[in-house]
Amino acid sequence: MTIRDIERAVTKLPQQKLVAFRAWFYNFDAKAWDKQFKEDSSSGKLDKLADRAIDDFNNGHCKEL
């Protein structure tokens, strides 16, 4: 099955099944993102970004939301 096959199948879903698919995919994607983020943070891949954010904060380059 190709991505194009999946795209075609999704476009043919009736509304109720499309709603269910969206909910399923949202959860699927969120879990995949969480897993990737955990792996990246555990490996040190995000350390430079975190250090830069802390430096910006300590140097007053941030504004309160």
N, C-alpha and C. Protein backbone atom coordinates (compact mmCIF):
# COMPACT_ATOMS: atom_id res chain seq x y z
N MET A 1 0.85 -1.18 0.00
CA MET A 1 0.00 0.00 0.00
C MET A 1 0.89 1.24 0.00
N THR A 2 0.56 2.19 -0.82
CA THR A 2 1.33 3.43 -0.89
C THR A 2 0.60 4.55 -0.14
N ILE A 3 1.30 5.65 0.04
CA ILE A 3 0.67 6.82 0.67
C ILE A 3 -0.49 7.29 -0.18
N ARG A 4 -0.31 7.26 -1.47
CA ARG A 4 -1.39 7.68 -2.39
C ARG A 4 -2.62 6.78 -2.21
N ASP A 5 -2.41 5.49 -2.02
CA ASP A 5 -3.52 4.56 -1.76
C ASP A 5 -4.26 4.94 -0.48
N ILE A 6 -3.48 5.28 0.54
CA ILE A 6 -4.08 5.68 1.81
C ILE A 6 -4.85 6.98 1.64
N GLU A 7 -4.27 7.93 0.93
CA GLU A 7 -4.96 9.20 0.67
C GLU A 7 -6.30 8.96 -0.02
N ARG A 8 -6.28 8.12 -1.04
CA ARG A 8 -7.53 7.82 -1.76
C ARG A 8 -8.56 7.18 -0.83
N ALA A 9 -8.10 6.24 -0.02
CA ALA A 9 -9.03 5.56 0.90
C ALA A 9 -9.64 6.55 1.89
N VAL A 10 -8.82 7.46 2.41
CA VAL A 10 -9.32 8.44 3.37
C VAL A 10 -10.35 9.36 2.73
N THR A 11 -10.11 9.78 1.50
CA THR A 11 -11.06 10.68 0.84
C THR A 11 -12.40 10.01 0.57
N LYS A 12 -12.43 8.69 0.59
CA LYS A 12 -13.67 7.96 0.32
C LYS A 12 -14.44 7.59 1.59
N LEU A 13 -13.88 7.92 2.75
CA LEU A 13 -14.56 7.58 4.01
C LEU A 13 -15.83 8.41 4.18
N PRO A 14 -16.89 7.76 4.65
CA PRO A 14 -18.08 8.54 5.00
C PRO A 14 -17.77 9.43 6.21
N GLN A 15 -18.52 10.48 6.40
CA GLN A 15 -18.26 11.49 7.43
C GLN A 15 -18.01 10.87 8.80
N GLN A 16 -18.87 9.97 9.23
CA GLN A 16 -18.76 9.39 10.57
C GLN A 16 -17.44 8.61 10.73
N LYS A 17 -17.05 7.89 9.71
CA LYS A 17 -15.80 7.14 9.77
C LYS A 17 -14.60 8.08 9.68
N LEU A 18 -14.74 9.17 8.96
CA LEU A 18 -13.67 10.16 8.88
C LEU A 18 -13.44 10.79 10.25
N VAL A 19 -14.50 11.07 10.96
CA VAL A 19 -14.38 11.63 12.31
C VAL A 19 -13.64 10.63 13.21
N ALA A 20 -14.00 9.36 13.12
CA ALA A 20 -13.34 8.33 13.93
C ALA A 20 -11.87 8.20 13.53
N PHE A 21 -11.60 8.27 12.23
CA PHE A 21 -10.21 8.18 11.76
C PHE A 21 -9.39 9.35 12.27
N ARG A 22 -9.95 10.55 12.22
CA ARG A 22 -9.23 11.73 12.73
C ARG A 22 -8.85 11.55 14.19
N ALA A 23 -9.80 11.08 14.99
CA ALA A 23 -9.53 10.88 16.42
C ALA A 23 -8.44 9.83 16.62
N TRP A 24 -8.53 8.73 15.87
CA TRP A 24 -7.51 7.69 15.98
C TRP A 24 -6.15 8.25 15.57
N PHE A 25 -6.09 8.95 14.44
CA PHE A 25 -4.81 9.45 13.94
C PHE A 25 -4.22 10.50 14.88
N TYR A 26 -5.06 11.34 15.45
CA TYR A 26 -4.59 12.34 16.40
C TYR A 26 -3.85 11.66 17.55
N ASN A 27 -4.46 10.62 18.13
CA ASN A 27 -3.84 9.89 19.23
C ASN A 27 -2.59 9.15 18.79
N PHE A 28 -2.64 8.53 17.63
CA PHE A 28 -1.49 7.83 17.07
C PHE A 28 -0.32 8.79 16.88
N ASP A 29 -0.58 9.93 16.30
CA ASP A 29 0.45 10.92 16.02
C ASP A 29 1.02 11.50 17.32
N ALA A 30 0.15 11.76 18.29
CA ALA A 30 0.60 12.31 19.57
C ALA A 30 1.53 11.33 20.28
N LYS A 31 1.20 10.05 20.25
CA LYS A 31 2.06 9.05 20.88
C LYS A 31 3.41 8.96 20.16
N ALA A 32 3.39 9.02 18.85
CA ALA A 32 4.64 8.97 18.08
C ALA A 32 5.50 10.19 18.39
N TRP A 33 4.88 11.37 18.48
CA TRP A 33 5.61 12.60 18.80
C TRP A 33 6.20 12.51 20.20
N ASP A 34 5.41 12.03 21.17
CA ASP A 34 5.90 11.90 22.54
C ASP A 34 7.10 10.95 22.61
N LYS A 35 7.02 9.85 21.89
CA LYS A 35 8.11 8.87 21.86
C LYS A 35 9.37 9.50 21.27
N GLN A 36 9.23 10.21 20.16
CA GLN A 36 10.38 10.85 19.52
C GLN A 36 10.99 11.92 20.43
N PHE A 37 10.13 12.71 21.07
CA PHE A 37 10.62 13.75 21.97
C PHE A 37 11.39 13.14 23.14
N LYS A 38 10.86 12.07 23.71
CA LYS A 38 11.53 11.40 24.82
C LYS A 38 12.88 10.86 24.38
N GLU A 39 12.95 10.24 23.21
CA GLU A 39 14.21 9.72 22.69
C GLU A 39 15.22 10.85 22.44
N ASP A 40 14.74 11.93 21.84
CA ASP A 40 15.63 13.06 21.55
C ASP A 40 16.15 13.71 22.82
N SER A 41 15.28 13.86 23.81
CA SER A 41 15.72 14.50 25.04
C SER A 41 16.64 13.58 25.84
N SER A 42 16.39 12.29 25.83
CA SER A 42 17.25 11.34 26.54
C SER A 42 18.63 11.23 25.91
N SER A 43 18.69 11.39 24.61
CA SER A 43 19.97 11.25 23.90
C SER A 43 20.83 12.51 23.96
N GLY A 44 20.26 13.60 24.46
CA GLY A 44 21.00 14.85 24.52
C GLY A 44 20.84 15.70 23.27
N LYS A 45 20.03 15.24 22.36
CA LYS A 45 19.84 15.94 21.08
C LYS A 45 19.28 17.36 21.27
N LEU A 46 18.57 17.57 22.37
CA LEU A 46 17.92 18.86 22.60
C LEU A 46 18.69 19.74 23.59
N ASP A 47 19.83 19.27 24.05
CA ASP A 47 20.57 20.00 25.07
C ASP A 47 20.97 21.41 24.63
N LYS A 48 21.45 21.57 23.41
CA LYS A 48 21.85 22.89 22.93
C LYS A 48 20.67 23.86 22.91
N LEU A 49 19.51 23.35 22.49
CA LEU A 49 18.31 24.21 22.47
C LEU A 49 17.90 24.60 23.89
N ALA A 50 17.97 23.65 24.80
CA ALA A 50 17.61 23.95 26.19
C ALA A 50 18.58 24.96 26.79
N ASP A 51 19.88 24.77 26.53
CA ASP A 51 20.88 25.72 27.05
C ASP A 51 20.66 27.12 26.50
N ARG A 52 20.33 27.19 25.22
CA ARG A 52 20.08 28.50 24.61
C ARG A 52 18.85 29.17 25.23
N ALA A 53 17.81 28.39 25.46
CA ALA A 53 16.59 28.94 26.07
C ALA A 53 16.87 29.44 27.48
N ILE A 54 17.65 28.69 28.24
CA ILE A 54 18.00 29.11 29.60
C ILE A 54 18.85 30.38 29.56
N ASP A 55 19.80 30.44 28.64
CA ASP A 55 20.62 31.66 28.49
C ASP A 55 19.75 32.86 28.13
N ASP A 56 18.84 32.68 27.19
CA ASP A 56 17.95 33.77 26.81
C ASP A 56 17.13 34.24 28.01
N PHE A 57 16.62 33.31 28.79
CA PHE A 57 15.83 33.65 29.97
C PHE A 57 16.69 34.41 30.98
N ASN A 58 17.86 33.87 31.27
CA ASN A 58 18.75 34.51 32.25
C ASN A 58 19.23 35.89 31.81
N ASN A 59 19.31 36.11 30.52
CA ASN A 59 19.76 37.40 30.00
C ASN A 59 18.60 38.37 29.72
N GLY A 60 17.40 38.00 30.15
CA GLY A 60 16.25 38.89 30.02
C GLY A 60 15.69 38.99 28.61
N HIS A 61 15.95 38.00 27.78
CA HIS A 61 15.46 38.03 26.40
C HIS A 61 14.12 37.33 26.23
N CYS A 62 13.39 37.22 27.29
CA CYS A 62 12.09 36.55 27.25
C CYS A 62 11.04 37.51 27.80
N LYS A 63 9.82 37.32 27.38
CA LYS A 63 8.74 38.13 27.92
C LYS A 63 7.66 37.20 28.47
N GLU A 64 7.04 37.67 29.50
CA GLU A 64 6.02 36.88 30.17
C GLU A 64 4.79 36.77 29.28
N LEU A 65 4.23 35.57 29.29
CA LEU A 65 3.01 35.33 28.50
C LEU A 65 1.78 35.64 29.31
